[in-house]
Amino acid sequence: MDTKELLKKVRKIEIKTRRLSDHIFGGEYHSTFKGRGMTFSEVRQYQFGDDVRNIDWNVTARYNEPYIKVFEEERELTMMLMVDISGSELFGTEEQFKNEIVTEIAATLAFSATQNNDKIGLILFSDDIELYIPPKKGRSHVLRIIRELIEFKPKSKLTNISEALKFLSNVMKKKAIVFVLSDFIADDYKQTLKISAGRHDITGIRVYDKHEESIPNLGMVQMQDEESGELVLVNTASKSVRQNYSKYYNEKVDYFKDTFTKSGSGTIDCRVDESYVKKLLGYFKRRG
């Protein structure tokens, strides 16, 4: 992709997702995710009804009348976008591939965070960490994140969510708002998610295509595994083949939902042919 075409794509995504974040998600994001705590702001004279636990005894002794400490919520947050860029994200049978929807969702979330003057960081992962962009503020930083989401070419097509979560724990020592965007056709991340969720506010956004849920009866079909690259002949006319695939797929979905829920993390299901706007907005409202 040449520079002109890339910039055109970035601009198109910015216009669409910034409008969504400005008009829909800005206030919802602000009310959903709270600050890290209370920070000291100033001292003022004690007034009837003030909490006596907030009396500043040093200032009170100096002026011989009661003064209290005033605190305000520390609103500034850090958002980390963790995006699965393995081979399976290139699947799509409707209007858009999964990775295109993922890019739009990530951009919408990033602009919502920017409205709140928060920092945004990015982790692109396969079965390894492909790219890490440390959290920063501002529109130009968000545009860089969008550019990477559009044009970055991963070295591997495999997936390892556990490794990505371990990396998150290593680079983010303070609490962050974390969105993990993937199809979650993986397992073995229960323990690492539990550890990460103990420190961070994590939401898993599962992006999938309806045609991944089951295999239609098409007879003998050559299929390629997007992650391993292996070509195999599959007899889709076989009922047991179709049932085994559905069982495998549903086990991965159940693992995702069960693991995130038990760790105290949130989940969102986004099908590529459905409105991710409604899904995000519904999630924010439920949490708010």
Protein backbone atom coordinates (compact mmCIF):
# COMPACT_ATOMS: atom_id res chain seq x y z
CA MET A 1 0.00 0.00 0.00
CA ASP A 2 1.50 3.34 -1.02
CA THR A 3 1.60 6.35 1.31
CA LYS A 4 -1.21 8.22 -0.45
CA GLU A 5 -3.57 5.26 -0.26
CA LEU A 6 -2.63 4.61 3.37
CA LEU A 7 -3.29 8.23 4.39
CA LYS A 8 -6.63 8.12 2.57
CA LYS A 9 -7.62 4.99 4.53
CA VAL A 10 -6.47 6.51 7.83
CA ARG A 11 -8.46 9.68 7.14
CA LYS A 12 -11.57 7.69 6.23
CA ILE A 13 -11.40 5.70 9.48
CA GLU A 14 -10.70 8.87 11.49
CA ILE A 15 -13.77 10.66 10.09
CA LYS A 16 -16.07 7.71 10.80
CA THR A 17 -14.79 6.70 14.21
CA ARG A 18 -14.16 10.21 15.54
CA ARG A 19 -17.76 11.15 14.80
CA LEU A 20 -18.93 8.09 16.73
CA SER A 21 -16.67 8.81 19.70
CA ASP A 22 -17.62 12.52 19.77
CA HIS A 23 -21.38 12.07 19.55
CA ILE A 24 -21.98 8.72 21.18
CA PHE A 25 -19.16 7.29 23.26
CA GLY A 26 -17.44 10.32 24.81
CA GLY A 27 -19.82 10.76 27.75
CA GLU A 28 -20.44 7.03 28.10
CA TYR A 29 -16.72 6.28 28.25
CA HIS A 30 -16.21 9.04 30.83
CA SER A 31 -18.95 7.73 33.14
CA THR A 32 -18.04 4.05 32.68
CA PHE A 33 -14.36 4.13 33.56
CA LYS A 34 -13.45 5.82 36.80
CA GLY A 35 -10.18 7.46 37.76
CA ARG A 36 -7.48 5.70 39.75
CA GLY A 37 -8.52 7.31 43.02
CA MET A 38 -8.54 10.62 44.86
CA THR A 39 -5.68 13.10 44.79
CA PHE A 40 -5.03 16.03 47.11
CA SER A 41 -6.20 19.35 45.66
CA GLU A 42 -6.13 22.08 48.36
CA VAL A 43 -6.99 22.99 51.95
CA ARG A 44 -9.90 25.18 53.02
CA GLN A 45 -11.58 26.20 56.27
CA TYR A 46 -13.74 23.58 57.93
CA GLN A 47 -17.48 23.93 57.30
CA PHE A 48 -20.35 22.32 59.17
CA GLY A 49 -20.97 18.84 57.77
CA ASP A 50 -17.40 18.24 56.54
CA ASP A 51 -15.83 14.88 57.33
CA VAL A 52 -13.61 15.35 60.41
CA ARG A 53 -11.31 12.62 59.05
CA ASN A 54 -10.15 15.10 56.39
CA ILE A 55 -8.94 17.70 58.91
CA ASP A 56 -5.38 18.80 58.21
CA TRP A 57 -4.01 18.97 61.74
CA ASN A 58 -0.77 20.74 60.80
CA VAL A 59 -2.58 23.65 59.10
CA THR A 60 -5.22 23.69 61.86
CA ALA A 61 -2.52 24.05 64.53
CA ARG A 62 -0.79 26.81 62.56
CA TYR A 63 -3.89 28.99 62.17
CA ASN A 64 -5.62 27.91 65.38
CA GLU A 65 -8.85 27.06 63.54
CA PRO A 66 -9.89 23.89 61.68
CA TYR A 67 -8.90 23.35 58.04
CA ILE A 68 -9.65 20.30 55.92
CA LYS A 69 -7.94 18.66 52.96
CA VAL A 70 -9.91 18.75 49.71
CA PHE A 71 -9.53 15.82 47.33
CA GLU A 72 -10.63 15.40 43.77
CA GLU A 73 -10.95 12.35 41.56
CA GLU A 74 -7.87 11.57 39.52
CA ARG A 75 -9.56 11.34 36.13
CA GLU A 76 -6.61 10.73 33.85
CA LEU A 77 -6.45 7.13 32.75
CA THR A 78 -4.36 4.98 30.46
CA MET A 79 -6.05 2.85 27.80
CA MET A 80 -4.22 -0.13 26.34
CA LEU A 81 -5.48 -1.65 23.11
CA MET A 82 -4.32 -5.26 22.73
CA VAL A 83 -5.01 -6.42 19.18
CA ASP A 84 -4.71 -9.95 17.81
CA ILE A 85 -3.18 -9.74 14.31
CA SER A 86 -2.79 -13.48 13.71
CA GLY A 87 -3.84 -15.14 10.47
CA SER A 88 -7.41 -15.89 11.52
CA GLU A 89 -8.17 -12.15 11.72
CA LEU A 90 -8.05 -12.00 7.89
CA PHE A 91 -11.19 -14.12 7.63
CA GLY A 92 -14.35 -12.52 6.24
CA THR A 93 -17.30 -13.57 4.12
CA GLU A 94 -19.53 -10.50 4.37
CA GLU A 95 -18.68 -6.87 3.60
CA GLN A 96 -15.60 -6.61 5.82
CA PHE A 97 -12.80 -8.76 7.19
CA LYS A 98 -12.53 -9.19 10.95
CA ASN A 99 -9.33 -7.12 11.08
CA GLU A 100 -11.11 -4.15 9.43
CA ILE A 101 -13.84 -4.15 12.08
CA VAL A 102 -11.17 -4.51 14.78
CA THR A 103 -9.41 -1.41 13.42
CA GLU A 104 -12.63 0.62 13.51
CA ILE A 105 -13.47 -0.49 17.05
CA ALA A 106 -9.94 0.28 18.28
CA ALA A 107 -10.01 3.73 16.64
CA THR A 108 -13.41 4.54 18.18
CA LEU A 109 -12.18 3.56 21.64
CA ALA A 110 -8.96 5.53 21.18
CA PHE A 111 -10.78 8.74 20.19
CA SER A 112 -13.18 8.27 23.14
CA ALA A 113 -10.16 8.09 25.46
CA THR A 114 -8.63 11.16 23.78
CA GLN A 115 -11.79 13.15 24.60
CA ASN A 116 -11.11 12.36 28.24
CA ASN A 117 -7.47 13.47 27.87
CA ASP A 118 -6.28 9.91 28.54
CA LYS A 119 -3.18 8.18 27.24
CA ILE A 120 -3.57 5.39 24.67
CA GLY A 121 -1.12 2.57 24.01
CA LEU A 122 -1.10 -0.34 21.56
CA ILE A 123 0.06 -3.96 21.70
CA LEU A 124 -0.14 -5.94 18.46
CA PHE A 125 0.30 -9.66 19.08
CA SER A 126 0.30 -13.03 17.34
CA ASP A 127 2.03 -15.82 19.26
CA ASP A 128 4.61 -13.16 20.10
CA ILE A 129 4.59 -9.39 20.65
CA GLU A 130 4.73 -7.94 17.14
CA LEU A 131 4.60 -4.25 18.09
CA TYR A 132 4.37 -2.17 21.25
CA ILE A 133 3.52 1.54 21.18
CA PRO A 134 3.80 3.08 24.68
CA PRO A 135 0.83 5.16 25.90
CA LYS A 136 0.72 8.81 24.83
CA LYS A 137 -1.93 11.49 24.35
CA GLY A 138 -3.21 13.33 21.32
CA ARG A 139 -4.72 13.01 17.86
CA SER A 140 -1.43 12.46 16.04
CA HIS A 141 -0.67 9.53 18.36
CA VAL A 142 -4.09 7.97 17.66
CA LEU A 143 -3.51 8.39 13.92
CA ARG A 144 -0.21 6.53 14.26
CA ILE A 145 -2.05 3.69 16.01
CA ILE A 146 -4.62 3.56 13.17
CA ARG A 147 -1.81 3.48 10.57
CA GLU A 148 -0.18 0.51 12.31
CA LEU A 149 -3.51 -1.31 12.56
CA ILE A 150 -4.04 -0.87 8.82
CA GLU A 151 -0.62 -1.72 7.40
CA PHE A 152 1.34 -3.73 9.97
CA LYS A 153 2.39 -7.15 8.64
CA PRO A 154 2.88 -9.75 11.39
CA LYS A 155 5.82 -12.13 11.35
CA SER A 156 3.66 -15.00 12.62
CA LYS A 157 0.13 -16.19 11.85
CA LEU A 158 -0.28 -18.02 15.18
CA THR A 159 -1.98 -16.78 18.37
CA ASN A 160 -0.89 -16.74 22.01
CA ILE A 161 -3.12 -14.58 24.20
CA SER A 162 -1.32 -15.67 27.36
CA GLU A 163 2.02 -14.27 26.14
CA ALA A 164 0.35 -10.97 25.27
CA LEU A 165 -1.15 -10.70 28.77
CA LYS A 166 2.24 -11.47 30.35
CA PHE A 167 3.78 -8.65 28.31
CA LEU A 168 0.99 -6.30 29.46
CA SER A 169 1.79 -7.09 33.10
CA ASN A 170 5.48 -6.37 32.50
CA VAL A 171 5.05 -2.99 30.79
CA MET A 172 2.00 -1.63 32.67
CA LYS A 173 2.67 -1.37 36.39
CA LYS A 174 -0.20 1.04 37.12
CA LYS A 175 -3.87 0.28 36.55
CA ALA A 176 -5.02 0.66 32.93
CA ILE A 177 -8.24 0.28 30.97
CA VAL A 178 -7.46 -2.67 28.68
CA PHE A 179 -9.39 -3.85 25.62
CA VAL A 180 -8.32 -7.18 24.12
CA LEU A 181 -9.60 -7.49 20.53
CA SER A 182 -9.47 -10.99 19.05
CA ASP A 183 -11.61 -13.83 17.73
CA PHE A 184 -10.42 -15.79 20.80
CA ILE A 185 -10.02 -19.05 18.88
CA ALA A 186 -7.49 -19.97 21.53
CA ASP A 187 -7.26 -21.22 25.08
CA ASP A 188 -4.68 -21.58 27.84
CA TYR A 189 -4.89 -17.97 29.02
CA LYS A 190 -7.02 -18.46 32.15
CA GLN A 191 -4.23 -18.00 34.72
CA THR A 192 -2.51 -15.05 33.03
CA LEU A 193 -5.85 -13.27 32.59
CA LYS A 194 -6.65 -13.79 36.26
CA ILE A 195 -3.33 -12.15 37.23
CA SER A 196 -3.72 -9.26 34.77
CA ALA A 197 -7.35 -8.63 35.76
CA GLY A 198 -6.23 -8.27 39.37
CA ARG A 199 -4.40 -5.08 38.38
CA HIS A 200 -6.21 -3.79 35.29
CA ASP A 201 -9.77 -3.18 34.12
CA ILE A 202 -9.97 -5.64 31.22
CA THR A 203 -12.61 -6.16 28.52
CA GLY A 204 -12.43 -8.85 25.86
CA ILE A 205 -14.02 -7.90 22.52
CA ARG A 206 -14.66 -11.02 20.45
CA VAL A 207 -14.92 -10.19 16.75
CA TYR A 208 -16.20 -13.02 14.57
CA ASP A 209 -17.88 -13.92 11.29
CA LYS A 210 -21.17 -15.85 11.34
CA HIS A 211 -19.75 -18.36 8.83
CA GLU A 212 -17.10 -19.41 11.36
CA GLU A 213 -19.75 -20.80 13.68
CA SER A 214 -20.59 -23.81 11.51
CA ILE A 215 -19.54 -25.56 8.28
CA PRO A 216 -22.20 -25.78 5.55
CA ASN A 217 -22.75 -29.02 3.59
CA LEU A 218 -20.70 -28.39 0.43
CA GLY A 219 -19.27 -31.86 -0.18
CA MET A 220 -15.49 -32.32 -0.45
CA VAL A 221 -13.82 -28.93 0.04
CA GLN A 222 -10.14 -27.95 0.25
CA MET A 223 -9.62 -25.68 3.26
CA GLN A 224 -6.63 -23.78 4.55
CA ASP A 225 -5.90 -23.11 8.18
CA GLU A 226 -5.19 -19.35 8.28
CA GLU A 227 -2.77 -19.72 11.19
CA SER A 228 -0.83 -22.87 10.22
CA GLY A 229 -1.20 -22.50 6.43
CA GLU A 230 -1.99 -26.22 6.18
CA LEU A 231 -4.23 -27.31 3.26
CA VAL A 232 -6.64 -30.16 3.97
CA LEU A 233 -9.53 -31.84 2.17
CA VAL A 234 -12.66 -31.73 4.32
CA ASN A 235 -15.77 -33.79 3.69
CA THR A 236 -18.38 -31.23 4.69
CA ALA A 237 -21.14 -33.66 3.70
CA SER A 238 -20.24 -35.69 6.79
CA LYS A 239 -22.56 -34.87 9.70
CA SER A 240 -19.92 -35.89 12.24
CA VAL A 241 -17.35 -33.53 10.64
CA ARG A 242 -19.79 -30.62 10.89
CA GLN A 243 -20.73 -31.54 14.46
CA ASN A 244 -17.09 -31.88 15.56
CA TYR A 245 -16.25 -28.47 14.10
CA SER A 246 -19.24 -26.83 15.84
CA LYS A 247 -18.22 -28.50 19.10
CA TYR A 248 -14.63 -27.23 18.74
CA TYR A 249 -15.78 -23.69 17.92
CA ASN A 250 -18.33 -23.53 20.76
CA GLU A 251 -15.76 -24.81 23.26
CA LYS A 252 -13.47 -21.88 22.38
CA VAL A 253 -16.34 -19.38 22.73
CA ASP A 254 -17.42 -20.88 26.07
CA TYR A 255 -13.81 -20.81 27.31
CA PHE A 256 -13.57 -17.10 26.41
CA LYS A 257 -16.79 -16.14 28.18
CA ASP A 258 -16.20 -18.31 31.24
CA THR A 259 -12.56 -17.24 31.66
CA PHE A 260 -13.24 -13.52 31.34
CA THR A 261 -16.31 -13.61 33.58
CA LYS A 262 -14.59 -15.57 36.36
CA SER A 263 -11.62 -13.17 36.31
CA GLY A 264 -13.99 -10.22 36.80
CA SER A 265 -13.41 -8.93 33.25
CA GLY A 266 -16.03 -7.77 30.76
CA THR A 267 -16.97 -9.34 27.43
CA ILE A 268 -18.43 -8.01 24.20
CA ASP A 269 -19.41 -10.14 21.18
CA CYS A 270 -19.20 -8.31 17.82
CA ARG A 271 -20.23 -10.10 14.64
CA VAL A 272 -18.81 -8.44 11.53
CA ASP A 273 -22.24 -8.00 9.90
CA GLU A 274 -23.75 -6.41 13.02
CA SER A 275 -23.38 -2.90 14.47
CA TYR A 276 -20.41 -2.69 16.82
CA VAL A 277 -21.73 0.75 17.80
CA LYS A 278 -24.77 -0.80 19.50
CA LYS A 279 -22.61 -3.44 21.18
CA LEU A 280 -20.14 -0.91 22.62
CA LEU A 281 -22.84 1.53 23.68
CA GLY A 282 -24.86 -1.22 25.38
CA TYR A 283 -21.76 -2.39 27.22
CA PHE A 284 -20.85 1.11 28.43
CA LYS A 285 -24.40 1.75 29.63
CA ARG A 286 -24.58 -1.54 31.51
CA ARG A 287 -21.29 -0.80 33.23
CA GLY A 288 -22.03 2.85 33.90
